[in-house]
Amino acid sequence: MNGEDVKQERSSRIILLGAGTSSSIPLLSCLMQGKYLPAGYMEKRRCPVCIEAAQNAESKNYRGNPSLLIQIFDKEQNDWKNILIDAGKTFLTAALRFFPKFEVKGIDSLLITHDHADAVFGIDDLRCAQYMHCEYDESTGTDNWMISRPIDVYCSHKTLKTLQGVVPYLMPKKIEVENEDEPARPSTPPPPNFCFALVPFRFVAKLSWKTFDHAEDDITHLPSKFSVCGLEIQPVSMFHGGSYICYGFIFGPNLAKIAYLSDVKKFPGCTLKDHDSHLNLIEAVHICQLIKPRRAILVGMSHEFDYYNFDETLQSVLEETDTNLNIEMGYDGMSIDVHLPIAD
């Protein structure tokens, strides 16, 4: 079966680009600390997960920042539409590992869960993941690669305001933000006798920023739905430690919904304690008991979890909670064929 046959058979799929934590796996500290410790200490206290991940680039313990790629097959274009959720610190590494494998020719849209580094610090690298075309420059007699169209970026109003200060060069000169007290600031005109020819050309990503409507002071209020590449997306509010709001995304058919919930500590109406900003394994299992998904895939897994021994770890937790759930640990590059209804 060739690649074209595979594409024709698949309508859509989801791919985990990252299933680790903000620090990713392996942790640099786990690989370096032995240099400063007494002889023999590391034999007792060494981190087997980080060491194994460092020695084997194909290891399922090698985990980047949480990120998901949604691929929808476009029959008219005979190619994939690509929706990315989060572009964190390890985005470029993930793209180099998996984009060629899954025939990603460009990113159509980006959904951002929150404004932390593990979700947004790879945005600059989107310039190399855009759809490109070649144009002939008569003045120089050379062919130049140009960005064909901007990537649509969806995030909350709060995230957009934060990113205005983090990546101002990726923002339009004037940003129209709804429901804000402060009016949009116009761009500053250049000084007199300013020569644009002296400004160096900088190749940066072209992004079209869009915010989903949400009353952020009311955590029980669902943000408005929006459509991306014909796919209906429902943002959901979650607490990511204290009162900090993060967003998950729900999509798919009514009888087979897919929920991507990467950075969550507490849902509205729930009180969970232990880790300050993320669920631990017991809490994640408890949430699965409440939601009862057909299949649950865990992401954001630290170096305390060895993928190859996870079934034993999970089984001990399931025995304590006396439940039978379909739960598994995700890994970078994990691909799942799914059916996603697309509006015309």
Protein backbone atom coordinates (compact mmCIF):
# COMPACT_ATOMS: atom_id res chain seq x y z
CA MET A 1 0.00 0.00 0.00
CA ASN A 2 1.53 3.34 -1.00
CA GLY A 3 1.21 6.73 0.68
CA GLU A 4 -1.60 7.90 -1.59
CA ASP A 5 -3.68 4.81 -0.76
CA VAL A 6 -3.22 5.52 2.96
CA LYS A 7 -4.34 9.16 2.57
CA GLN A 8 -7.41 8.18 0.57
CA GLU A 9 -8.51 5.68 3.23
CA ARG A 10 -8.14 8.06 6.18
CA SER A 11 -10.60 10.87 6.81
CA SER A 12 -8.79 12.34 9.83
CA ARG A 13 -6.37 11.53 12.62
CA ILE A 14 -4.88 13.04 15.76
CA ILE A 15 -1.18 12.91 16.57
CA LEU A 16 0.49 13.60 19.90
CA LEU A 17 3.49 15.82 19.17
CA GLY A 18 4.36 16.03 22.86
CA ALA A 19 3.26 14.03 25.90
CA GLY A 20 5.69 15.34 28.49
CA THR A 21 5.96 18.21 30.94
CA SER A 22 7.14 21.81 30.62
CA SER A 23 10.71 20.67 31.29
CA SER A 24 10.35 17.79 28.79
CA ILE A 25 12.03 14.39 29.13
CA PRO A 26 14.95 13.76 29.58
CA LEU A 27 15.60 16.43 32.19
CA LEU A 28 18.99 18.04 31.82
CA SER A 29 19.41 18.08 35.60
CA CYS A 30 19.00 14.30 35.78
CA LEU A 31 21.81 13.85 33.26
CA MET A 32 24.20 16.37 34.86
CA GLN A 33 23.81 15.98 38.60
CA GLY A 34 26.09 12.93 38.84
CA LYS A 35 29.11 15.16 38.16
CA TYR A 36 28.72 16.90 41.52
CA LEU A 37 27.73 13.93 43.70
CA PRO A 38 29.86 11.40 45.62
CA ALA A 39 31.04 8.29 43.79
CA GLY A 40 28.44 5.56 43.81
CA TYR A 41 25.59 7.95 44.67
CA MET A 42 24.12 7.95 41.18
CA GLU A 43 24.01 4.17 41.13
CA LYS A 44 21.45 4.41 43.92
CA ARG A 45 19.67 7.61 42.96
CA ARG A 46 20.03 7.84 39.17
CA CYS A 47 16.97 8.53 37.01
CA PRO A 48 16.46 5.52 34.73
CA VAL A 49 13.71 7.18 32.66
CA CYS A 50 15.79 10.23 31.72
CA ILE A 51 18.92 8.16 31.09
CA GLU A 52 17.03 5.73 28.83
CA ALA A 53 15.39 8.62 26.94
CA ALA A 54 18.75 10.33 26.43
CA GLN A 55 20.36 7.17 25.09
CA ASN A 56 17.52 6.30 22.70
CA ALA A 57 16.01 9.07 20.56
CA GLU A 58 13.20 6.70 19.52
CA SER A 59 12.28 5.93 23.13
CA LYS A 60 8.68 6.46 24.17
CA ASN A 61 10.10 8.04 27.30
CA TYR A 62 11.46 10.87 25.14
CA ARG A 63 8.69 13.42 25.71
CA GLY A 64 8.30 17.02 24.59
CA ASN A 65 5.93 19.77 25.74
CA PRO A 66 2.24 18.86 25.42
CA SER A 67 0.95 19.42 21.89
CA LEU A 68 -1.58 17.84 19.55
CA LEU A 69 -1.87 17.84 15.77
CA ILE A 70 -5.32 17.36 14.22
CA GLN A 71 -5.19 16.23 10.59
CA ILE A 72 -8.28 16.36 8.38
CA PHE A 73 -8.06 14.93 4.90
CA ASP A 74 -9.25 17.35 2.22
CA LYS A 75 -10.50 15.27 -0.70
CA GLU A 76 -10.64 18.25 -3.06
CA GLN A 77 -7.00 19.15 -2.41
CA ASN A 78 -6.02 15.49 -1.93
CA ASP A 79 -4.00 16.52 1.10
CA TRP A 80 -4.17 17.10 4.84
CA LYS A 81 -5.49 20.17 6.67
CA ASN A 82 -3.39 20.63 9.81
CA ILE A 83 -4.65 22.13 13.08
CA LEU A 84 -2.01 22.49 15.80
CA ILE A 85 -2.76 22.81 19.50
CA ASP A 86 0.06 24.68 21.26
CA ALA A 87 3.57 25.42 20.01
CA GLY A 88 5.83 25.28 23.04
CA LYS A 89 9.57 25.17 23.65
CA THR A 90 9.98 21.76 21.99
CA PHE A 91 7.79 22.49 18.94
CA LEU A 92 10.67 22.64 16.46
CA THR A 93 12.10 19.32 17.65
CA ALA A 94 8.67 17.69 17.37
CA ALA A 95 8.13 19.13 13.89
CA LEU A 96 11.49 17.82 12.70
CA ARG A 97 10.66 14.38 14.10
CA PHE A 98 7.08 13.98 12.93
CA PHE A 99 6.06 16.44 10.20
CA PRO A 100 7.82 14.53 7.39
CA LYS A 101 6.43 11.22 8.68
CA PHE A 102 2.85 12.50 8.69
CA GLU A 103 3.12 14.50 5.45
CA VAL A 104 2.64 17.93 7.03
CA LYS A 105 3.22 20.57 4.36
CA GLY A 106 2.05 23.51 6.42
CA ILE A 107 0.02 24.54 9.47
CA ASP A 108 -3.47 25.90 8.75
CA SER A 109 -4.46 26.92 12.27
CA LEU A 110 -3.04 27.11 15.80
CA LEU A 111 -5.12 26.80 18.97
CA ILE A 112 -3.47 28.06 22.17
CA THR A 113 -4.44 26.66 25.57
CA HIS A 114 -2.63 29.30 27.69
CA ASP A 115 0.29 31.71 27.67
CA HIS A 116 2.95 29.64 29.46
CA ALA A 117 6.30 28.92 27.80
CA ASP A 118 5.50 25.25 27.16
CA ALA A 119 2.51 26.34 25.07
CA VAL A 120 3.73 29.42 23.17
CA PHE A 121 7.54 29.73 23.10
CA GLY A 122 7.74 27.87 19.78
CA ILE A 123 5.49 30.33 17.95
CA ASP A 124 8.48 32.00 16.29
CA ASP A 125 9.33 28.68 14.59
CA LEU A 126 5.95 28.67 12.82
CA ARG A 127 7.63 30.71 10.08
CA CYS A 128 9.18 27.46 8.86
CA ALA A 129 5.88 25.57 9.07
CA GLN A 130 3.78 27.83 6.84
CA TYR A 131 2.58 27.13 3.33
CA MET A 132 5.11 28.57 0.90
CA HIS A 133 5.29 29.41 -2.80
CA CYS A 134 8.05 30.60 -5.08
CA GLU A 135 8.00 34.04 -6.77
CA TYR A 136 10.38 35.31 -9.42
CA ASP A 137 11.97 38.70 -8.65
CA GLU A 138 12.66 40.49 -11.94
CA SER A 139 14.84 43.12 -10.27
CA THR A 140 17.31 40.53 -8.97
CA GLY A 141 16.64 37.67 -11.35
CA THR A 142 16.18 35.25 -8.46
CA ASP A 143 13.43 32.97 -7.22
CA ASN A 144 12.28 33.79 -3.69
CA TRP A 145 10.22 31.63 -1.36
CA MET A 146 7.25 33.52 0.07
CA ILE A 147 4.61 32.70 2.68
CA SER A 148 1.37 31.91 0.85
CA ARG A 149 -1.11 32.74 3.62
CA PRO A 150 -1.15 33.48 7.34
CA ILE A 151 -1.82 30.89 10.01
CA ASP A 152 -5.07 31.50 11.91
CA VAL A 153 -4.30 31.64 15.64
CA TYR A 154 -7.10 31.20 18.20
CA CYS A 155 -6.62 32.13 21.86
CA SER A 156 -8.27 33.92 24.77
CA HIS A 157 -8.21 37.71 25.16
CA LYS A 158 -5.84 37.37 28.12
CA THR A 159 -3.39 35.19 26.19
CA LEU A 160 -3.40 37.63 23.28
CA LYS A 161 -2.61 40.57 25.57
CA THR A 162 0.30 38.65 27.10
CA LEU A 163 1.70 37.66 23.72
CA GLN A 164 1.57 41.26 22.53
CA GLY A 165 4.45 41.85 24.92
CA VAL A 166 6.24 38.54 24.25
CA VAL A 167 6.19 38.49 20.44
CA PRO A 168 5.24 42.04 19.35
CA TYR A 169 6.87 41.51 15.94
CA LEU A 170 4.28 38.81 15.19
CA MET A 171 1.38 41.14 15.89
CA PRO A 172 -0.38 43.44 13.41
CA LYS A 173 0.33 47.16 13.79
CA LYS A 174 -3.15 47.64 15.18
CA ILE A 175 -5.01 44.93 17.08
CA GLU A 176 -8.78 45.05 17.39
CA VAL A 177 -9.67 43.36 20.69
CA GLU A 178 -13.30 43.09 21.66
CA ASN A 179 -14.58 43.60 25.20
CA GLU A 180 -11.47 45.49 26.31
CA ASP A 181 -11.54 48.72 28.28
CA GLU A 182 -8.43 50.10 26.61
CA PRO A 183 -8.77 51.13 22.96
CA ALA A 184 -6.39 49.62 20.42
CA ARG A 185 -3.19 51.61 20.11
CA PRO A 186 -2.39 52.86 16.61
CA SER A 187 1.03 52.19 15.17
CA THR A 188 3.72 54.83 15.72
CA PRO A 189 4.62 56.69 12.52
CA PRO A 190 8.28 56.60 11.41
CA PRO A 191 10.47 59.63 12.21
CA PRO A 192 11.10 62.31 9.54
CA ASN A 193 13.57 61.40 6.78
CA PHE A 194 13.27 57.71 7.73
CA CYS A 195 14.62 55.43 5.00
CA PHE A 196 12.81 52.08 4.80
CA ALA A 197 15.56 50.72 2.55
CA LEU A 198 17.89 50.70 5.58
CA VAL A 199 15.59 48.40 7.57
CA PRO A 200 16.80 44.79 7.22
CA PHE A 201 14.31 42.23 6.00
CA ARG A 202 13.29 39.83 8.73
CA PHE A 203 11.63 36.55 7.87
CA VAL A 204 8.94 36.08 10.51
CA ALA A 205 5.75 34.09 10.74
CA LYS A 206 2.57 35.56 9.30
CA LEU A 207 -0.25 35.06 11.78
CA SER A 208 -3.90 36.09 11.83
CA TRP A 209 -4.94 36.48 15.47
CA LYS A 210 -8.47 35.61 16.57
CA THR A 211 -9.93 35.48 20.06
CA PHE A 212 -12.79 33.35 21.29
CA ASP A 213 -15.41 35.19 23.30
CA HIS A 214 -15.30 34.41 27.01
CA ALA A 215 -16.29 36.13 30.22
CA GLU A 216 -13.10 35.19 32.06
CA ASP A 217 -14.49 36.30 35.41
CA ASP A 218 -17.14 33.57 35.11
CA ILE A 219 -15.41 30.19 35.00
CA THR A 220 -18.74 28.33 34.66
CA HIS A 221 -19.52 30.11 31.38
CA LEU A 222 -18.49 28.17 28.28
CA PRO A 223 -16.62 30.20 25.67
CA SER A 224 -18.24 30.51 22.27
CA LYS A 225 -17.68 27.75 19.74
CA PHE A 226 -15.75 28.47 16.58
CA SER A 227 -14.97 26.62 13.36
CA VAL A 228 -11.48 25.73 12.14
CA CYS A 229 -11.04 24.11 8.72
CA GLY A 230 -14.72 23.18 8.92
CA LEU A 231 -14.29 21.51 12.32
CA GLU A 232 -16.38 22.84 15.21
CA ILE A 233 -14.27 23.55 18.30
CA GLN A 234 -15.66 24.04 21.81
CA PRO A 235 -13.19 25.69 24.22
CA VAL A 236 -13.59 24.71 27.87
CA SER A 237 -12.28 26.58 30.91
CA MET A 238 -10.05 24.88 33.48
CA PHE A 239 -7.96 25.97 36.47
CA HIS A 240 -4.23 25.48 35.97
CA GLY A 241 -3.18 26.14 39.56
CA GLY A 242 -4.83 28.75 41.78
CA SER A 243 -7.10 31.06 39.80
CA TYR A 244 -5.07 30.84 36.58
CA ILE A 245 -7.37 29.87 33.69
CA CYS A 246 -6.25 27.49 30.97
CA TYR A 247 -8.33 26.13 28.10
CA GLY A 248 -9.03 22.70 26.72
CA PHE A 249 -10.71 21.94 23.41
CA ILE A 250 -13.53 19.53 22.59
CA PHE A 251 -14.32 18.46 19.04
CA GLY A 252 -15.73 15.55 17.05
CA PRO A 253 -19.15 13.90 16.57
CA ASN A 254 -21.69 13.81 19.40
CA LEU A 255 -21.25 10.09 20.09
CA ALA A 256 -17.45 10.17 19.87
CA LYS A 257 -16.27 13.49 21.28
CA ILE A 258 -12.54 14.09 21.68
CA ALA A 259 -11.43 16.28 24.58
CA TYR A 260 -7.88 17.65 24.72
CA LEU A 261 -7.22 18.76 28.32
CA SER A 262 -3.47 19.25 28.73
CA ASP A 263 -2.89 21.61 31.68
CA VAL A 264 -5.56 21.16 34.30
CA LYS A 265 -5.65 21.03 38.05
CA LYS A 266 -9.32 21.68 38.73
CA PHE A 267 -12.53 21.79 36.75
CA PRO A 268 -15.39 24.13 37.69
CA GLY A 269 -17.20 22.52 40.62
CA CYS A 270 -14.32 20.18 41.50
CA THR A 271 -11.79 20.55 44.31
CA LEU A 272 -8.63 18.49 43.93
CA LYS A 273 -5.45 18.81 45.96
CA ASP A 274 -1.85 17.50 45.82
CA HIS A 275 0.07 18.98 42.90
CA ASP A 276 -0.22 22.75 42.70
CA SER A 277 -0.97 23.04 38.98
CA HIS A 278 -1.54 19.59 37.46
CA LEU A 279 -3.48 16.43 38.20
CA ASN A 280 -1.54 13.52 39.64
CA LEU A 281 -2.24 9.99 38.45
CA ILE A 282 -4.84 9.19 41.12
CA GLU A 283 -6.68 12.45 40.39
CA ALA A 284 -6.58 11.78 36.64
CA VAL A 285 -8.11 8.35 37.22
CA HIS A 286 -10.76 9.96 39.41
CA ILE A 287 -11.67 12.40 36.63
CA CYS A 288 -11.92 9.47 34.21
CA GLN A 289 -14.33 7.81 36.64
CA LEU A 290 -16.53 10.88 36.51
CA ILE A 291 -16.39 11.43 32.75
CA LYS A 292 -16.27 7.72 31.78
CA PRO A 293 -14.52 8.13 28.41
CA ARG A 294 -14.31 5.20 26.03
CA ARG A 295 -10.57 5.77 25.92
CA ALA A 296 -8.31 8.03 27.96
CA ILE A 297 -4.73 8.90 26.95
CA LEU A 298 -2.60 10.60 29.57
CA VAL A 299 -0.21 13.43 28.65
CA GLY A 300 1.97 15.80 30.66
CA MET A 301 3.78 12.80 32.14
CA SER A 302 6.90 13.51 34.22
CA HIS A 303 10.08 11.43 34.51
CA GLU A 304 8.52 9.61 37.46
CA PHE A 305 6.63 7.52 34.90
CA ASP A 306 8.37 4.94 32.75
CA TYR A 307 6.31 4.26 29.63
CA TYR A 308 7.46 0.65 29.48
CA ASN A 309 6.37 -0.06 33.08
CA PHE A 310 3.31 2.18 33.14
CA ASP A 311 0.74 -0.64 32.93
CA GLU A 312 1.94 -1.98 36.28
CA THR A 313 1.84 1.48 37.85
CA LEU A 314 -1.65 2.14 36.50
CA GLN A 315 -2.93 -1.26 37.59
CA SER A 316 -1.97 -0.56 41.19
CA VAL A 317 -3.95 2.69 41.08
CA LEU A 318 -6.96 1.06 39.42
CA GLU A 319 -7.00 -1.64 42.10
CA GLU A 320 -7.04 1.02 44.81
CA THR A 321 -9.93 2.87 43.13
CA ASP A 322 -11.76 -0.35 42.26
CA THR A 323 -12.56 0.62 38.69
CA ASN A 324 -12.13 -0.74 35.18
CA LEU A 325 -11.21 2.02 32.77
CA ASN A 326 -9.54 2.13 29.37
CA ILE A 327 -6.57 4.35 30.29
CA GLU A 328 -3.17 4.41 28.65
CA MET A 329 -0.08 6.59 28.62
CA GLY A 330 0.52 8.72 25.54
CA TYR A 331 3.84 9.10 23.77
CA ASP A 332 5.32 11.51 21.25
CA GLY A 333 4.30 10.51 17.72
CA MET A 334 1.25 8.51 18.83
CA SER A 335 -1.27 8.55 15.95
CA ILE A 336 -4.97 7.66 16.19
CA ASP A 337 -7.35 7.49 13.24
CA VAL A 338 -10.63 9.22 14.07
CA HIS A 339 -13.80 10.39 12.32
CA LEU A 340 -14.40 14.14 12.41
CA PRO A 341 -17.50 15.70 10.85
CA ILE A 342 -16.56 18.63 8.68
CA ALA A 343 -18.96 21.42 7.69
CA ASP A 344 -19.05 22.35 4.01
